[in-house]
Amino acid sequence: VQLVESGGGLVQAGGSLRLSCTASGISFSYFSIHWYRQVAAKQRELVASITSRGNTDYFDSAKGRFAISRDNAKNTVYLQMNSLKPEDTAVYSCAADTYSASYRNYWGQGTQVTVSS
């Protein structure tokens, strides 16, 4: 099983990035996918989630600026991030989980997003 994030980088405040999380080795359509972010020495926080049925949820700072979507044909979930702020700077990681048959949970290694002021 592998989750690979891509799309991170350096962007100016007010700019946009689209992160991708591509999975292999799992029945992707059965999994919920979550984007987390973490700044060094701080607790990891949930950014956005999308269920296997396509239902979405966002944490407060992401509402209105970020959008999560999925393409099951490509085994990929996207996180479109607009109006980026310096405080969005973090390592963004995706996680996949499912309760189908049994609970399983997998993580990617993360991609760095840096927003300059």
Protein backbone atom coordinates (compact mmCIF):
# COMPACT_ATOMS: atom_id res chain seq x y z
CA VAL A 1 0.00 0.00 0.00
CA GLN A 2 1.31 3.41 -0.90
CA LEU A 3 -0.04 6.93 -0.63
CA VAL A 4 1.95 9.57 -2.48
CA GLU A 5 1.35 13.28 -2.07
CA SER A 6 2.42 15.82 -4.65
CA GLY A 7 1.82 19.43 -5.58
CA GLY A 8 3.42 21.17 -2.65
CA GLY A 9 5.82 24.03 -3.04
CA LEU A 10 6.44 27.70 -2.43
CA VAL A 11 3.70 30.20 -3.18
CA GLN A 12 3.04 33.82 -2.29
CA ALA A 13 0.25 34.79 0.05
CA GLY A 14 -3.03 34.94 -1.85
CA GLY A 15 -1.91 32.29 -4.29
CA SER A 16 -3.17 28.78 -4.92
CA LEU A 17 -1.88 25.24 -4.91
CA ARG A 18 -3.48 21.92 -5.71
CA LEU A 19 -2.25 18.93 -3.78
CA SER A 20 -2.75 15.38 -4.98
CA CYS A 21 -2.83 12.16 -3.02
CA THR A 22 -2.52 9.07 -5.20
CA ALA A 23 -3.04 5.63 -3.72
CA SER A 24 -1.97 2.19 -4.83
CA GLY A 25 -2.51 -1.21 -3.34
CA ILE A 26 -5.97 -0.51 -1.93
CA SER A 27 -9.55 -0.63 -3.16
CA PHE A 28 -9.56 3.13 -3.30
CA SER A 29 -13.29 3.69 -3.67
CA TYR A 30 -13.95 2.06 -0.28
CA PHE A 31 -11.68 4.47 1.58
CA SER A 32 -12.24 7.85 3.12
CA ILE A 33 -9.34 10.19 2.50
CA HIS A 34 -8.18 12.88 4.89
CA TRP A 35 -5.72 15.72 4.51
CA TYR A 36 -3.76 16.70 7.61
CA ARG A 37 -1.13 19.31 8.15
CA GLN A 38 1.61 19.71 10.70
CA VAL A 39 4.00 22.44 11.62
CA ALA A 40 7.15 21.31 13.41
CA ALA A 41 6.64 20.86 17.17
CA LYS A 42 2.90 21.42 16.84
CA GLN A 43 0.06 18.96 16.85
CA ARG A 44 -1.08 17.59 13.52
CA GLU A 45 -4.46 18.98 12.51
CA LEU A 46 -7.14 17.73 10.18
CA VAL A 47 -7.70 19.98 7.18
CA ALA A 48 -10.34 18.26 5.09
CA SER A 49 -11.94 14.88 4.55
CA ILE A 50 -13.88 13.14 1.84
CA THR A 51 -15.76 9.91 2.38
CA SER A 52 -16.08 6.99 -0.01
CA ARG A 53 -19.46 8.44 -0.98
CA GLY A 54 -17.98 11.85 -1.70
CA ASN A 55 -19.21 13.67 1.38
CA THR A 56 -16.79 16.38 2.44
CA ASP A 57 -15.87 18.11 5.65
CA TYR A 58 -13.45 20.94 6.43
CA PHE A 59 -11.84 22.37 9.54
CA ASP A 60 -12.68 25.99 10.25
CA SER A 61 -9.66 27.72 8.70
CA ALA A 62 -10.08 25.79 5.45
CA LYS A 63 -13.76 26.55 4.96
CA GLY A 64 -14.35 28.77 1.99
CA ARG A 65 -10.73 28.54 0.81
CA PHE A 66 -9.97 24.84 0.34
CA ALA A 67 -11.84 22.21 -1.64
CA ILE A 68 -11.35 18.46 -1.48
CA SER A 69 -12.40 16.18 -4.32
CA ARG A 70 -11.72 12.68 -5.51
CA ASP A 71 -11.32 10.83 -8.79
CA ASN A 72 -11.78 7.14 -8.10
CA ALA A 73 -10.77 6.23 -11.65
CA LYS A 74 -7.35 7.72 -10.92
CA ASN A 75 -7.16 6.60 -7.28
CA THR A 76 -6.50 10.22 -6.45
CA VAL A 77 -7.82 12.83 -4.06
CA TYR A 78 -7.15 16.52 -4.60
CA LEU A 79 -6.95 19.42 -2.21
CA GLN A 80 -7.41 22.74 -3.98
CA MET A 81 -6.09 25.50 -1.75
CA ASN A 82 -6.91 29.09 -2.61
CA SER A 83 -6.22 32.41 -0.92
CA LEU A 84 -3.28 30.89 0.87
CA LYS A 85 -1.92 32.56 3.99
CA PRO A 86 1.50 32.31 5.65
CA GLU A 87 -0.15 30.40 8.50
CA ASP A 88 -1.05 27.66 6.01
CA THR A 89 2.64 26.79 5.83
CA ALA A 90 3.04 23.16 6.93
CA VAL A 91 3.71 19.62 5.80
CA TYR A 92 0.49 18.30 4.32
CA SER A 93 -0.14 14.57 4.50
CA CYS A 94 -2.97 12.39 3.33
CA ALA A 95 -4.40 9.41 5.11
CA ALA A 96 -6.77 6.73 3.93
CA ASP A 97 -9.04 4.69 6.13
CA THR A 98 -11.92 2.30 5.86
CA TYR A 99 -14.18 0.28 8.12
CA SER A 100 -15.04 -2.09 5.29
CA ALA A 101 -14.53 -5.64 6.60
CA SER A 102 -12.05 -4.34 9.18
CA TYR A 103 -10.53 -1.00 10.10
CA ARG A 104 -7.46 -0.12 8.06
CA ASN A 105 -5.51 3.09 8.01
CA TYR A 106 -2.62 4.20 5.81
CA TRP A 107 -0.52 7.36 5.59
CA GLY A 108 1.53 9.16 3.02
CA GLN A 109 4.85 10.84 3.76
CA GLY A 110 3.71 14.38 3.17
CA THR A 111 4.48 17.34 0.96
CA GLN A 112 5.76 20.72 2.10
CA VAL A 113 3.66 23.80 1.48
CA THR A 114 5.30 27.15 2.15
CA VAL A 115 3.40 30.41 1.84
CA SER A 116 5.48 33.56 1.81
CA SER A 117 4.16 36.93 2.94
